[in-house]
């Protein structure tokens, strides 16, 4: 069995090893957190580069023309999710420092490792990739509006667009362009073809490396505030349960195939914590707990995503799905 096949078959064990190592570093070497944090963007960009390489661009161009999926993804993330988030956060202490972190992370759909998790669940990664520019642009425009609606103008006014624009350029535009150039090189050169083939075994270890740097860099921050921010954990868990079901129902109503349905589920549930974190860190001193609230969602979500990569294809959106109503889902559960 070659290394690529072995890694794919044992990816959960690989991720667990990286996560346990990160927990050890975060607990016993907390002073290394700034170094790990500085590696998040380059490691994530590398992960997306090798992920994009797995998607032939002829299929990606076709995915751009699927307006139904793009509309569904936008509707789920910017119409359904805000209603769910508003309802779930009614159970939180009505403290601005807690609420702003929860709103910032839950109202912004993921534009980076959602592609990897969708691919791991045999979802339509091309559709997710094609939708990321729209998701990034719309969340940039709507996050201040939703914060104003939910919390008032004071918080909305301190949100800067700079980190969002930088994240789009570094995490989406650059890896996508490099992947396109690599595919063009591979079509014209044996060296390029060998390079692309060699990159085929990298996604799993790069995903593990991403988990490592995120957890190792942010665990000390969470540890220092765990008693105050633990109240958000049930809300994050509830979001991970509710949104996949709603995403599956929407896919059924729109009669999507299994690949599209899985992609819609993952874009509905995966949040943009890595991009939002710099925004939370830039908030005034009175919101010092907001970054820890955001990072807590990251830690909860990572566990949830590993679980969903198995649950979604095996149960929620099987290979030959039929349209499901909410009562049928509850009965099957």
C-alpha atoms as a PDB file:
ATOM      1  CA  UNK A   1       0.000   0.000   0.000  1.00  0.00           C
ATOM      2  CA  UNK A   2       1.501   3.370  -0.997  1.00  0.00           C
ATOM      3  CA  UNK A   3       1.915   6.229   1.469  1.00  0.00           C
ATOM      4  CA  UNK A   4      -0.989   8.257   0.075  1.00  0.00           C
ATOM      5  CA  UNK A   5      -3.459   5.377   0.432  1.00  0.00           C
ATOM      6  CA  UNK A   6      -2.182   4.555   3.927  1.00  0.00           C
ATOM      7  CA  UNK A   7      -2.552   8.161   5.086  1.00  0.00           C
ATOM      8  CA  UNK A   8      -6.068   8.401   3.703  1.00  0.00           C
ATOM      9  CA  UNK A   9      -7.156   5.183   5.418  1.00  0.00           C
ATOM     10  CA  UNK A  10      -5.606   6.179   8.758  1.00  0.00           C
ATOM     11  CA  UNK A  11      -6.223   9.930   8.646  1.00  0.00           C
ATOM     12  CA  UNK A  12      -8.245  10.062  11.871  1.00  0.00           C
ATOM     13  CA  UNK A  13      -5.380   8.420  13.781  1.00  0.00           C
ATOM     14  CA  UNK A  14      -2.938  10.853  12.171  1.00  0.00           C
ATOM     15  CA  UNK A  15      -5.076  13.830  13.214  1.00  0.00           C
ATOM     16  CA  UNK A  16      -5.430  12.457  16.737  1.00  0.00           C
ATOM     17  CA  UNK A  17      -1.638  12.202  17.034  1.00  0.00           C
ATOM     18  CA  UNK A  18      -1.218  15.818  15.930  1.00  0.00           C
ATOM     19  CA  UNK A  19      -3.948  17.022  18.296  1.00  0.00           C
ATOM     20  CA  UNK A  20      -2.500  15.170  21.302  1.00  0.00           C
ATOM     21  CA  UNK A  21       0.947  16.556  20.500  1.00  0.00           C
ATOM     22  CA  UNK A  22      -0.501  20.068  20.282  1.00  0.00           C
ATOM     23  CA  UNK A  23      -2.236  19.683  23.640  1.00  0.00           C
ATOM     24  CA  UNK A  24       1.072  18.604  25.162  1.00  0.00           C
ATOM     25  CA  UNK A  25       2.885  21.606  23.704  1.00  0.00           C
ATOM     26  CA  UNK A  26       0.114  24.004  24.714  1.00  0.00           C
ATOM     27  CA  UNK A  27       0.070  22.738  28.307  1.00  0.00           C
ATOM     28  CA  UNK A  28       3.778  22.203  28.963  1.00  0.00           C
ATOM     29  CA  UNK A  29       5.361  24.785  26.623  1.00  0.00           C
ATOM     30  CA  UNK A  30       2.945  27.738  26.739  1.00  0.00           C
ATOM     31  CA  UNK A  31       5.725  30.184  25.854  1.00  0.00           C
ATOM     32  CA  UNK A  32       5.874  28.632  22.377  1.00  0.00           C
ATOM     33  CA  UNK A  33       2.355  29.868  21.586  1.00  0.00           C
ATOM     34  CA  UNK A  34       3.461  33.034  19.718  1.00  0.00           C
ATOM     35  CA  UNK A  35       5.656  30.960  17.391  1.00  0.00           C
ATOM     36  CA  UNK A  36       2.851  28.517  16.695  1.00  0.00           C
ATOM     37  CA  UNK A  37       0.422  31.376  16.078  1.00  0.00           C
ATOM     38  CA  UNK A  38       2.773  32.933  13.519  1.00  0.00           C
ATOM     39  CA  UNK A  39       2.678  29.659  11.563  1.00  0.00           C
ATOM     40  CA  UNK A  40      -1.122  29.415  11.254  1.00  0.00           C
ATOM     41  CA  UNK A  41      -1.513  31.410   8.033  1.00  0.00           C
ATOM     42  CA  UNK A  42       1.394  29.845   6.089  1.00  0.00           C
ATOM     43  CA  UNK A  43       0.447  26.312   7.167  1.00  0.00           C
ATOM     44  CA  UNK A  44      -3.200  26.898   6.298  1.00  0.00           C
ATOM     45  CA  UNK A  45      -2.224  28.406   2.928  1.00  0.00           C
ATOM     46  CA  UNK A  46      -0.089  25.343   2.204  1.00  0.00           C
ATOM     47  CA  UNK A  47      -2.984  23.064   3.163  1.00  0.00           C
ATOM     48  CA  UNK A  48      -5.306  24.841   0.755  1.00  0.00           C
ATOM     49  CA  UNK A  49      -2.718  24.758  -2.019  1.00  0.00           C
ATOM     50  CA  UNK A  50      -2.419  20.977  -1.884  1.00  0.00           C
ATOM     51  CA  UNK A  51      -6.196  20.704  -1.485  1.00  0.00           C
ATOM     52  CA  UNK A  52      -6.796  22.821  -4.598  1.00  0.00           C
ATOM     53  CA  UNK A  53      -4.330  20.625  -6.487  1.00  0.00           C
ATOM     54  CA  UNK A  54      -6.657  17.687  -5.913  1.00  0.00           C
ATOM     55  CA  UNK A  55      -9.394  19.457  -7.909  1.00  0.00           C
ATOM     56  CA  UNK A  56      -8.986  19.544 -11.705  1.00  0.00           C
ATOM     57  CA  UNK A  57      -9.735  23.074 -12.839  1.00  0.00           C
ATOM     58  CA  UNK A  58     -11.995  21.912 -15.629  1.00  0.00           C
ATOM     59  CA  UNK A  59     -14.355  20.710 -12.880  1.00  0.00           C
ATOM     60  CA  UNK A  60     -13.847  23.902 -10.888  1.00  0.00           C
ATOM     61  CA  UNK A  61     -14.893  26.069 -13.863  1.00  0.00           C
ATOM     62  CA  UNK A  62     -18.045  23.964 -14.171  1.00  0.00           C
ATOM     63  CA  UNK A  63     -18.773  24.426 -10.464  1.00  0.00           C
ATOM     64  CA  UNK A  64     -18.676  28.220 -10.813  1.00  0.00           C
ATOM     65  CA  UNK A  65     -21.725  28.007 -13.080  1.00  0.00           C
ATOM     66  CA  UNK A  66     -23.893  26.179 -10.511  1.00  0.00           C
ATOM     67  CA  UNK A  67     -25.953  29.144  -9.355  1.00  0.00           C
ATOM     68  CA  UNK A  68     -28.352  26.948  -7.401  1.00  0.00           C
ATOM     69  CA  UNK A  69     -25.643  25.739  -5.030  1.00  0.00           C
ATOM     70  CA  UNK A  70     -24.157  29.214  -4.575  1.00  0.00           C
ATOM     71  CA  UNK A  71     -27.598  30.620  -3.767  1.00  0.00           C
ATOM     72  CA  UNK A  72     -28.248  27.766  -1.316  1.00  0.00           C
ATOM     73  CA  UNK A  73     -24.904  28.311   0.436  1.00  0.00           C
ATOM     74  CA  UNK A  74     -25.534  32.047   0.739  1.00  0.00           C
ATOM     75  CA  UNK A  75     -29.074  31.474   1.984  1.00  0.00           C
ATOM     76  CA  UNK A  76     -28.029  28.958   4.628  1.00  0.00           C
ATOM     77  CA  UNK A  77     -25.124  31.061   5.896  1.00  0.00           C
ATOM     78  CA  UNK A  78     -26.647  34.526   5.847  1.00  0.00           C
ATOM     79  CA  UNK A  79     -30.369  33.922   6.365  1.00  0.00           C
ATOM     80  CA  UNK A  80     -30.735  30.639   8.295  1.00  0.00           C
ATOM     81  CA  UNK A  81     -27.562  30.755  10.405  1.00  0.00           C
ATOM     82  CA  UNK A  82     -28.240  34.226  11.892  1.00  0.00           C
ATOM     83  CA  UNK A  83     -31.683  33.077  13.067  1.00  0.00           C
ATOM     84  CA  UNK A  84     -30.197  29.930  14.644  1.00  0.00           C
ATOM     85  CA  UNK A  85     -27.362  31.900  16.260  1.00  0.00           C
ATOM     86  CA  UNK A  86     -29.764  34.469  17.676  1.00  0.00           C
ATOM     87  CA  UNK A  87     -31.860  31.708  19.204  1.00  0.00           C
ATOM     88  CA  UNK A  88     -28.927  29.763  20.660  1.00  0.00           C
ATOM     89  CA  UNK A  89     -27.229  32.808  22.176  1.00  0.00           C
ATOM     90  CA  UNK A  90     -30.365  33.657  24.174  1.00  0.00           C
ATOM     91  CA  UNK A  91     -29.081  30.989  26.588  1.00  0.00           C
ATOM     92  CA  UNK A  92     -25.762  32.783  27.132  1.00  0.00           C
ATOM     93  CA  UNK A  93     -25.055  35.367  29.828  1.00  0.00           C
ATOM     94  CA  UNK A  94     -25.903  38.696  28.220  1.00  0.00           C
ATOM     95  CA  UNK A  95     -22.372  40.013  28.628  1.00  0.00           C
ATOM     96  CA  UNK A  96     -21.042  41.910  25.589  1.00  0.00           C
ATOM     97  CA  UNK A  97     -17.565  40.405  25.897  1.00  0.00           C
ATOM     98  CA  UNK A  98     -18.992  36.878  25.637  1.00  0.00           C
ATOM     99  CA  UNK A  99     -21.613  37.665  23.018  1.00  0.00           C
ATOM    100  CA  UNK A 100     -19.323  39.520  20.626  1.00  0.00           C
ATOM    101  CA  UNK A 101     -16.925  36.581  20.379  1.00  0.00           C
ATOM    102  CA  UNK A 102     -19.750  34.102  19.853  1.00  0.00           C
ATOM    103  CA  UNK A 103     -21.463  36.288  17.241  1.00  0.00           C
ATOM    104  CA  UNK A 104     -18.236  36.994  15.360  1.00  0.00           C
ATOM    105  CA  UNK A 105     -17.345  33.349  14.934  1.00  0.00           C
ATOM    106  CA  UNK A 106     -20.794  31.830  14.439  1.00  0.00           C
ATOM    107  CA  UNK A 107     -21.974  34.398  11.877  1.00  0.00           C
ATOM    108  CA  UNK A 108     -19.002  33.926   9.518  1.00  0.00           C
ATOM    109  CA  UNK A 109     -18.850  30.825   7.257  1.00  0.00           C
ATOM    110  CA  UNK A 110     -15.514  29.085   6.792  1.00  0.00           C
ATOM    111  CA  UNK A 111     -13.584  29.732   3.588  1.00  0.00           C
ATOM    112  CA  UNK A 112     -10.526  27.553   4.165  1.00  0.00           C
ATOM    113  CA  UNK A 113     -10.439  24.121   5.821  1.00  0.00           C
ATOM    114  CA  UNK A 114     -14.120  23.516   5.037  1.00  0.00           C
ATOM    115  CA  UNK A 115     -12.819  22.437   1.628  1.00  0.00           C
ATOM    116  CA  UNK A 116     -10.635  19.775   3.212  1.00  0.00           C
ATOM    117  CA  UNK A 117     -13.363  18.438   5.497  1.00  0.00           C
ATOM    118  CA  UNK A 118     -15.849  18.362   2.616  1.00  0.00           C
ATOM    119  CA  UNK A 119     -13.378  16.359   0.561  1.00  0.00           C
ATOM    120  CA  UNK A 120     -12.762  13.966   3.458  1.00  0.00           C
ATOM    121  CA  UNK A 121     -16.518  13.311   3.544  1.00  0.00           C
ATOM    122  CA  UNK A 122     -16.587  12.678  -0.229  1.00  0.00           C
ATOM    123  CA  UNK A 123     -18.517  15.907  -0.759  1.00  0.00           C
ATOM    124  CA  UNK A 124     -18.373  18.198  -3.769  1.00  0.00           C
ATOM    125  CA  UNK A 125     -15.189  20.117  -2.911  1.00  0.00           C
ATOM    126  CA  UNK A 126     -15.312  21.901  -6.270  1.00  0.00           C
ATOM    127  CA  UNK A 127     -18.583  23.564  -5.313  1.00  0.00           C
ATOM    128  CA  UNK A 128     -17.211  24.684  -1.953  1.00  0.00           C
ATOM    129  CA  UNK A 129     -14.104  26.088  -3.623  1.00  0.00           C
ATOM    130  CA  UNK A 130     -16.144  27.940  -6.245  1.00  0.00           C
ATOM    131  CA  UNK A 131     -18.362  29.456  -3.552  1.00  0.00           C
ATOM    132  CA  UNK A 132     -15.607  30.744  -1.234  1.00  0.00           C
ATOM    133  CA  UNK A 133     -15.158  34.166  -2.936  1.00  0.00           C
ATOM    134  CA  UNK A 134     -18.876  34.939  -2.554  1.00  0.00           C
ATOM    135  CA  UNK A 135     -18.917  33.712   1.048  1.00  0.00           C
ATOM    136  CA  UNK A 136     -15.887  35.848   1.889  1.00  0.00           C
ATOM    137  CA  UNK A 137     -17.246  38.997   0.293  1.00  0.00           C
ATOM    138  CA  UNK A 138     -20.736  38.715   1.772  1.00  0.00           C
ATOM    139  CA  UNK A 139     -19.509  38.016   5.316  1.00  0.00           C
ATOM    140  CA  UNK A 140     -17.190  41.009   5.050  1.00  0.00           C
ATOM    141  CA  UNK A 141     -20.216  43.186   4.242  1.00  0.00           C
ATOM    142  CA  UNK A 142     -22.758  41.615   6.617  1.00  0.00           C
ATOM    143  CA  UNK A 143     -20.805  40.936   9.824  1.00  0.00           C
ATOM    144  CA  UNK A 144     -20.879  44.609  10.945  1.00  0.00           C
ATOM    145  CA  UNK A 145     -24.587  44.738  10.068  1.00  0.00           C
ATOM    146  CA  UNK A 146     -25.419  41.649  12.123  1.00  0.00           C
ATOM    147  CA  UNK A 147     -23.330  42.878  15.051  1.00  0.00           C
ATOM    148  CA  UNK A 148     -25.203  46.173  14.882  1.00  0.00           C
ATOM    149  CA  UNK A 149     -28.555  44.364  14.838  1.00  0.00           C
ATOM    150  CA  UNK A 150     -27.645  41.998  17.675  1.00  0.00           C
ATOM    151  CA  UNK A 151     -25.452  44.219  19.871  1.00  0.00           C
ATOM    152  CA  UNK A 152     -25.699  47.845  18.747  1.00  0.00           C
ATOM    153  CA  UNK A 153     -23.494  50.252  16.809  1.00  0.00           C
ATOM    154  CA  UNK A 154     -20.625  50.440  19.341  1.00  0.00           C
ATOM    155  CA  UNK A 155     -19.287  46.960  18.596  1.00  0.00           C
ATOM    156  CA  UNK A 156     -19.994  47.075  14.842  1.00  0.00           C
ATOM    157  CA  UNK A 157     -17.946  50.241  14.489  1.00  0.00           C
ATOM    158  CA  UNK A 158     -14.700  48.601  15.685  1.00  0.00           C
ATOM    159  CA  UNK A 159     -14.718  45.799  13.075  1.00  0.00           C
ATOM    160  CA  UNK A 160     -12.067  46.455  10.438  1.00  0.00           C
ATOM    161  CA  UNK A 161     -12.152  44.874   6.951  1.00  0.00           C
ATOM    162  CA  UNK A 162      -8.357  44.585   6.675  1.00  0.00           C
ATOM    163  CA  UNK A 163      -7.961  41.089   8.202  1.00  0.00           C
ATOM    164  CA  UNK A 164     -10.744  39.740   5.983  1.00  0.00           C
ATOM    165  CA  UNK A 165      -9.129  41.104   2.827  1.00  0.00           C
ATOM    166  CA  UNK A 166      -5.710  39.813   3.879  1.00  0.00           C
ATOM    167  CA  UNK A 167      -7.149  36.372   4.640  1.00  0.00           C
ATOM    168  CA  UNK A 168      -8.826  36.217   1.238  1.00  0.00           C
ATOM    169  CA  UNK A 169      -5.593  37.094  -0.572  1.00  0.00           C
ATOM    170  CA  UNK A 170      -3.315  34.819   1.487  1.00  0.00           C
ATOM    171  CA  UNK A 171      -5.610  31.866   2.124  1.00  0.00           C
ATOM    172  CA  UNK A 172      -7.725  31.755  -1.045  1.00  0.00           C
ATOM    173  CA  UNK A 173      -6.360  33.792  -3.960  1.00  0.00           C
ATOM    174  CA  UNK A 174      -2.679  32.874  -3.555  1.00  0.00           C
ATOM    175  CA  UNK A 175      -3.076  29.089  -3.051  1.00  0.00           C
ATOM    176  CA  UNK A 176      -5.683  28.916  -5.821  1.00  0.00           C
ATOM    177  CA  UNK A 177      -3.417  30.760  -8.262  1.00  0.00           C
ATOM    178  CA  UNK A 178      -0.419  28.605  -7.371  1.00  0.00           C
ATOM    179  CA  UNK A 179      -2.491  25.453  -7.802  1.00  0.00           C
ATOM    180  CA  UNK A 180      -3.680  26.640 -11.212  1.00  0.00           C
ATOM    181  CA  UNK A 181      -0.086  27.386 -12.279  1.00  0.00           C
ATOM    182  CA  UNK A 182       1.027  23.983 -10.998  1.00  0.00           C
ATOM    183  CA  UNK A 183      -1.671  22.200 -13.010  1.00  0.00           C
ATOM    184  CA  UNK A 184      -0.659  24.163 -16.114  1.00  0.00           C
ATOM    185  CA  UNK A 185       2.986  23.230 -15.467  1.00  0.00           C
ATOM    186  CA  UNK A 186       2.058  19.560 -14.991  1.00  0.00           C
ATOM    187  CA  UNK A 187       0.304  19.514 -18.375  1.00  0.00           C
ATOM    188  CA  UNK A 188       3.445  20.751 -20.146  1.00  0.00           C
ATOM    189  CA  UNK A 189       6.297  19.208 -18.181  1.00  0.00           C
ATOM    190  CA  UNK A 190       7.174  15.820 -16.748  1.00  0.00           C
ATOM    191  CA  UNK A 191       8.739  17.582 -13.767  1.00  0.00           C
ATOM    192  CA  UNK A 192       5.520  19.442 -13.158  1.00  0.00           C
ATOM    193  CA  UNK A 193       3.567  16.210 -13.396  1.00  0.00           C
ATOM    194  CA  UNK A 194       5.942  14.537 -10.919  1.00  0.00           C
ATOM    195  CA  UNK A 195       5.566  17.492  -8.532  1.00  0.00           C
ATOM    196  CA  UNK A 196       1.786  17.325  -8.662  1.00  0.00           C
ATOM    197  CA  UNK A 197       1.866  13.574  -8.115  1.00  0.00           C
ATOM    198  CA  UNK A 198       4.188  13.995  -5.125  1.00  0.00           C
ATOM    199  CA  UNK A 199       1.820  16.557  -3.590  1.00  0.00           C
ATOM    200  CA  UNK A 200      -0.941  13.944  -3.572  1.00  0.00           C
ATOM    201  CA  UNK A 201       0.184  12.483  -0.229  1.00  0.00           C
ATOM    202  CA  UNK A 202       0.567  15.883   1.502  1.00  0.00           C
ATOM    203  CA  UNK A 203      -3.069  16.895   2.351  1.00  0.00           C
ATOM    204  CA  UNK A 204      -3.442  14.593   5.362  1.00  0.00           C
ATOM    205  CA  UNK A 205      -0.185  15.583   7.117  1.00  0.00           C
ATOM    206  CA  UNK A 206      -0.844  19.247   6.253  1.00  0.00           C
ATOM    207  CA  UNK A 207      -4.269  18.995   7.839  1.00  0.00           C
ATOM    208  CA  UNK A 208      -2.586  17.498  10.906  1.00  0.00           C
ATOM    209  CA  UNK A 209      -0.043  20.325  10.944  1.00  0.00           C
ATOM    210  CA  UNK A 210      -2.863  22.887  10.745  1.00  0.00           C
ATOM    211  CA  UNK A 211      -4.608  21.315  13.721  1.00  0.00           C
ATOM    212  CA  UNK A 212      -1.302  21.308  15.602  1.00  0.00           C
ATOM    213  CA  UNK A 213      -0.440  24.996  15.162  1.00  0.00           C
ATOM    214  CA  UNK A 214      -3.986  26.177  15.875  1.00  0.00           C
ATOM    215  CA  UNK A 215      -4.352  24.192  19.089  1.00  0.00           C
ATOM    216  CA  UNK A 216      -0.779  24.683  20.346  1.00  0.00           C
ATOM    217  CA  UNK A 217      -0.986  28.437  19.789  1.00  0.00           C
ATOM    218  CA  UNK A 218      -4.400  29.030  21.319  1.00  0.00           C
ATOM    219  CA  UNK A 219      -4.722  26.468  24.123  1.00  0.00           C
ATOM    220  CA  UNK A 220      -2.888  28.638  26.718  1.00  0.00           C
ATOM    221  CA  UNK A 221      -5.294  31.500  25.949  1.00  0.00           C
ATOM    222  CA  UNK A 222      -8.305  29.263  26.520  1.00  0.00           C
ATOM    223  CA  UNK A 223      -6.858  27.713  29.682  1.00  0.00           C
ATOM    224  CA  UNK A 224      -6.438  31.123  31.253  1.00  0.00           C
ATOM    225  CA  UNK A 225     -10.118  31.983  30.847  1.00  0.00           C
ATOM    226  CA  UNK A 226     -11.863  28.609  30.852  1.00  0.00           C
ATOM    227  CA  UNK A 227     -14.124  29.289  33.846  1.00  0.00           C
ATOM    228  CA  UNK A 228     -15.580  32.415  32.250  1.00  0.00           C
ATOM    229  CA  UNK A 229     -15.951  31.119  28.694  1.00  0.00           C
ATOM    230  CA  UNK A 230     -17.108  27.551  29.380  1.00  0.00           C
ATOM    231  CA  UNK A 231     -20.707  28.772  29.062  1.00  0.00           C
ATOM    232  CA  UNK A 232     -20.319  29.039  25.276  1.00  0.00           C
ATOM    233  CA  UNK A 233     -19.423  25.359  24.788  1.00  0.00           C
ATOM    234  CA  UNK A 234     -23.028  24.037  24.893  1.00  0.00           C
ATOM    235  CA  UNK A 235     -24.014  26.675  22.322  1.00  0.00           C
ATOM    236  CA  UNK A 236     -21.199  25.620  19.995  1.00  0.00           C
ATOM    237  CA  UNK A 237     -22.118  21.957  20.385  1.00  0.00           C
ATOM    238  CA  UNK A 238     -25.777  22.727  19.692  1.00  0.00           C
ATOM    239  CA  UNK A 239     -24.777  24.614  16.540  1.00  0.00           C
ATOM    240  CA  UNK A 240     -22.817  21.561  15.371  1.00  0.00           C
ATOM    241  CA  UNK A 241     -25.944  19.441  15.817  1.00  0.00           C
ATOM    242  CA  UNK A 242     -28.600  21.793  14.432  1.00  0.00           C
ATOM    243  CA  UNK A 243     -26.921  23.156  11.311  1.00  0.00           C
ATOM    244  CA  UNK A 244     -26.056  19.805   9.645  1.00  0.00           C
ATOM    245  CA  UNK A 245     -29.698  18.771   9.959  1.00  0.00           C
ATOM    246  CA  UNK A 246     -30.931  22.061   8.495  1.00  0.00           C
ATOM    247  CA  UNK A 247     -28.340  21.829   5.729  1.00  0.00           C
ATOM    248  CA  UNK A 248     -29.512  18.306   4.904  1.00  0.00           C
ATOM    249  CA  UNK A 249     -33.132  19.400   4.805  1.00  0.00           C
ATOM    250  CA  UNK A 250     -32.268  22.269   2.452  1.00  0.00           C
ATOM    251  CA  UNK A 251     -30.345  19.874   0.195  1.00  0.00           C
ATOM    252  CA  UNK A 252     -33.382  17.597   0.112  1.00  0.00           C
ATOM    253  CA  UNK A 253     -35.766  20.421  -0.768  1.00  0.00           C
ATOM    254  CA  UNK A 254     -33.428  21.477  -3.600  1.00  0.00           C
ATOM    255  CA  UNK A 255     -33.013  17.832  -4.707  1.00  0.00           C
ATOM    256  CA  UNK A 256     -29.228  17.978  -4.604  1.00  0.00           C
ATOM    257  CA  UNK A 257     -27.143  14.902  -5.224  1.00  0.00           C
ATOM    258  CA  UNK A 258     -25.014  13.387  -2.463  1.00  0.00           C
ATOM    259  CA  UNK A 259     -21.873  15.389  -3.255  1.00  0.00           C
ATOM    260  CA  UNK A 260     -23.681  18.729  -3.343  1.00  0.00           C
ATOM    261  CA  UNK A 261     -25.716  17.847  -0.258  1.00  0.00           C
ATOM    262  CA  UNK A 262     -22.600  17.061   1.765  1.00  0.00           C
ATOM    263  CA  UNK A 263     -20.965  20.264   0.575  1.00  0.00           C
ATOM    264  CA  UNK A 264     -24.019  22.286   1.648  1.00  0.00           C
ATOM    265  CA  UNK A 265     -23.989  20.636   5.075  1.00  0.00           C
ATOM    266  CA  UNK A 266     -20.326  21.464   5.649  1.00  0.00           C
ATOM    267  CA  UNK A 267     -20.531  25.063   4.476  1.00  0.00           C
ATOM    268  CA  UNK A 268     -23.579  25.532   6.717  1.00  0.00           C
ATOM    269  CA  UNK A 269     -21.833  24.302   9.859  1.00  0.00           C
ATOM    270  CA  UNK A 270     -18.106  25.129   9.518  1.00  0.00           C
ATOM    271  CA  UNK A 271     -17.176  28.570  10.831  1.00  0.00           C
ATOM    272  CA  UNK A 272     -14.437  31.064   9.965  1.00  0.00           C
ATOM    273  CA  UNK A 273     -12.614  31.072  13.308  1.00  0.00           C
ATOM    274  CA  UNK A 274      -9.091  31.389  11.905  1.00  0.00           C
ATOM    275  CA  UNK A 275      -9.964  34.550   9.968  1.00  0.00           C
ATOM    276  CA  UNK A 276     -12.114  36.023  12.734  1.00  0.00           C
ATOM    277  CA  UNK A 277      -9.445  35.555  15.415  1.00  0.00           C
ATOM    278  CA  UNK A 278      -7.367  38.588  14.300  1.00  0.00           C
ATOM    279  CA  UNK A 279     -10.560  40.672  14.395  1.00  0.00           C
ATOM    280  CA  UNK A 280     -11.211  39.550  17.960  1.00  0.00           C
ATOM    281  CA  UNK A 281      -7.624  40.301  18.955  1.00  0.00           C
ATOM    282  CA  UNK A 282      -7.998  43.830  17.548  1.00  0.00           C
ATOM    283  CA  UNK A 283     -11.024  44.655  19.732  1.00  0.00           C
ATOM    284  CA  UNK A 284     -10.615  47.215  22.546  1.00  0.00           C
ATOM    285  CA  UNK A 285      -9.253  46.177  25.942  1.00  0.00           C
ATOM    286  CA  UNK A 286     -12.745  45.741  27.357  1.00  0.00           C
ATOM    287  CA  UNK A 287     -13.241  42.760  25.062  1.00  0.00           C
ATOM    288  CA  UNK A 288     -10.152  40.839  26.167  1.00  0.00           C
ATOM    289  CA  UNK A 289     -12.114  37.572  26.527  1.00  0.00           C
ATOM    290  CA  UNK A 290     -13.486  37.679  22.984  1.00  0.00           C
ATOM    291  CA  UNK A 291     -10.441  35.921  21.421  1.00  0.00           C
ATOM    292  CA  UNK A 292     -10.737  33.089  23.935  1.00  0.00           C
ATOM    293  CA  UNK A 293     -14.446  32.740  23.063  1.00  0.00           C
ATOM    294  CA  UNK A 294     -13.500  32.480  19.372  1.00  0.00           C
ATOM    295  CA  UNK A 295     -10.708  29.970  20.024  1.00  0.00           C
ATOM    296  CA  UNK A 296     -13.026  27.806  22.132  1.00  0.00           C
ATOM    297  CA  UNK A 297     -15.266  27.457  19.077  1.00  0.00           C
ATOM    298  CA  UNK A 298     -12.231  26.306  17.076  1.00  0.00           C
ATOM    299  CA  UNK A 299     -11.464  23.556  19.563  1.00  0.00           C
ATOM    300  CA  UNK A 300     -15.081  22.384  19.716  1.00  0.00           C
ATOM    301  CA  UNK A 301     -15.451  22.541  15.944  1.00  0.00           C
ATOM    302  CA  UNK A 302     -12.344  20.490  15.208  1.00  0.00           C
ATOM    303  CA  UNK A 303     -13.751  17.599  17.209  1.00  0.00           C
ATOM    304  CA  UNK A 304     -17.105  18.055  15.523  1.00  0.00           C
ATOM    305  CA  UNK A 305     -15.647  18.169  12.023  1.00  0.00           C
ATOM    306  CA  UNK A 306     -13.750  14.908  12.471  1.00  0.00           C
ATOM    307  CA  UNK A 307     -16.999  13.334  13.637  1.00  0.00           C
ATOM    308  CA  UNK A 308     -19.030  14.813  10.777  1.00  0.00           C
ATOM    309  CA  UNK A 309     -16.641  13.502   8.136  1.00  0.00           C
ATOM    310  CA  UNK A 310     -17.885  10.054   9.165  1.00  0.00           C
ATOM    311  CA  UNK A 311     -21.494  10.828  10.118  1.00  0.00           C
ATOM    312  CA  UNK A 312     -22.432  12.889   7.052  1.00  0.00           C
ATOM    313  CA  UNK A 313     -21.579  10.339   4.310  1.00  0.00           C
ATOM    314  CA  UNK A 314     -22.591   7.310   6.374  1.00  0.00           C
ATOM    315  CA  UNK A 315     -25.917   8.550   7.720  1.00  0.00           C
ATOM    316  CA  UNK A 316     -26.951  12.145   7.067  1.00  0.00           C
ATOM    317  CA  UNK A 317     -26.241  12.290   3.309  1.00  0.00           C
ATOM    318  CA  UNK A 318     -25.615   8.729   2.045  1.00  0.00           C
ATOM    319  CA  UNK A 319     -24.637   7.921  -1.530  1.00  0.00           C
ATOM    320  CA  UNK A 320     -28.261   7.522  -2.644  1.00  0.00           C
ATOM    321  CA  UNK A 321     -30.098  10.028  -0.484  1.00  0.00           C
ATOM    322  CA  UNK A 322     -33.822  10.539  -0.536  1.00  0.00           C
ATOM    323  CA  UNK A 323     -35.579  13.701   0.504  1.00  0.00           C
ATOM    324  CA  UNK A 324     -35.936  13.765   4.257  1.00  0.00           C
ATOM    325  CA  UNK A 325     -38.257  15.747   6.452  1.00  0.00           C
ATOM    326  CA  UNK A 326     -37.345  16.725   9.991  1.00  0.00           C
ATOM    327  CA  UNK A 327     -39.617  14.065  11.548  1.00  0.00           C
ATOM    328  CA  UNK A 328     -37.938  11.374   9.426  1.00  0.00           C
ATOM    329  CA  UNK A 329     -34.503  12.558  10.566  1.00  0.00           C
ATOM    330  CA  UNK A 330     -35.556  12.454  14.195  1.00  0.00           C
ATOM    331  CA  UNK A 331     -37.006   8.957  13.727  1.00  0.00           C
ATOM    332  CA  UNK A 332     -33.810   7.690  12.107  1.00  0.00           C
ATOM    333  CA  UNK A 333     -31.723   9.190  14.862  1.00  0.00           C
END
